[in-house]
Protein backbone atom coordinates (compact mmCIF):
# COMPACT_ATOMS: atom_id res chain seq x y z
CA MET A 1 32.93 36.33 -116.27
CA THR A 2 30.58 35.99 -119.24
CA ARG A 3 28.91 32.90 -120.74
CA THR A 4 26.88 32.52 -123.91
CA VAL A 5 23.38 30.84 -123.85
CA ASP A 6 23.05 28.25 -126.70
CA PRO A 7 20.05 28.11 -129.07
CA LYS A 8 18.27 25.69 -126.68
CA ARG A 9 18.54 28.37 -123.93
CA ARG A 10 21.17 26.36 -121.96
CA LEU A 11 24.14 27.76 -120.19
CA VAL A 12 27.33 26.01 -118.87
CA LEU A 13 28.05 27.33 -115.33
CA PRO A 14 31.59 27.62 -113.88
CA ASP A 15 33.23 24.74 -112.04
CA HIS A 16 32.46 25.95 -108.58
CA PHE A 17 28.76 25.14 -109.26
CA HIS A 18 27.98 21.42 -108.68
CA SER A 19 25.04 19.24 -109.50
CA GLY A 20 22.46 19.59 -106.66
CA ASP A 21 23.37 23.19 -105.78
CA VAL A 22 20.39 25.45 -105.15
CA VAL A 23 20.42 28.68 -107.02
CA GLU A 24 18.28 31.76 -106.98
CA ILE A 25 17.63 33.60 -110.18
CA GLN A 26 16.96 37.34 -109.65
CA THR A 27 15.99 39.88 -112.27
CA GLU A 28 17.27 43.47 -111.93
CA GLY A 29 15.79 45.46 -114.83
CA GLU A 30 17.26 43.98 -117.98
CA ASP A 31 19.93 41.98 -116.05
CA VAL A 32 19.55 38.48 -114.57
CA VAL A 33 21.61 37.56 -111.52
CA ILE A 34 22.27 33.91 -110.53
CA VAL A 35 23.02 33.34 -106.88
CA ARG A 36 24.16 30.06 -105.44
CA ARG A 37 22.11 29.83 -102.18
CA MET A 38 23.66 26.73 -100.53
CA LYS A 39 25.69 23.64 -101.27
CA ALA A 40 24.02 20.39 -101.99
CA VAL A 41 22.93 18.51 -98.87
CA GLU A 42 24.97 15.32 -98.37
CA ARG A 43 23.01 12.25 -97.36
CA LYS A 44 23.74 10.98 -93.94
CA HIS A 45 21.77 7.78 -94.41
CA PRO A 46 21.61 5.36 -97.26
CA LYS A 47 18.79 5.77 -99.87
CA ALA A 48 15.40 4.33 -98.92
CA ARG A 49 14.38 1.13 -100.48
CA LEU A 50 11.29 -1.06 -100.60
CA VAL A 51 11.64 -4.27 -98.58
CA ARG A 52 9.20 -7.20 -98.68
CA ARG A 53 8.53 -8.53 -95.24
CA LYS A 54 7.81 -12.24 -94.43
CA ASP A 55 4.14 -11.59 -93.89
CA GLY A 56 3.94 -10.20 -97.50
CA THR A 57 3.70 -6.49 -96.70
CA THR A 58 6.08 -4.07 -98.34
CA VAL A 59 7.78 -1.32 -96.20
CA ILE A 60 10.33 1.40 -96.81
CA ALA A 61 13.67 0.78 -95.12
CA GLY A 62 17.08 2.35 -95.05
CA GLY A 63 16.94 5.45 -92.95
CA ALA A 64 17.10 6.42 -89.38
CA PRO A 65 13.86 6.15 -87.42
CA VAL A 66 11.80 9.35 -87.53
CA ASN A 67 10.84 10.78 -84.15
CA ASP A 68 8.70 13.75 -83.11
CA GLU A 69 11.66 16.19 -82.99
CA ILE A 70 12.54 15.43 -86.67
CA VAL A 71 8.94 15.88 -87.77
CA LYS A 72 8.81 19.31 -85.97
CA ARG A 73 12.03 20.49 -87.62
CA ILE A 74 10.71 19.52 -91.05
CA MET A 75 7.36 21.14 -90.34
CA GLU A 76 9.06 24.42 -89.44
CA ASP A 77 10.53 24.64 -92.93
CA PHE A 78 7.27 23.76 -94.65
CA PRO A 79 5.40 26.73 -96.10
């Protein structure tokens, strides 16, 4: 399959690529290879939002509580 890059250096990808997909761009000599690494991660929780409490403070709400196990998993992926 071939595609043509427009004057603004944009390219339309095939339908099996979706918004949010992670791609890796590799160069092999004069060639460029685009590899889809993984599908977009679907949210399990609603988006976070700012909530003003009765005492006047503002907090972030909307997700599951974060515990030590979640923090450890996140830190394992952090460079």
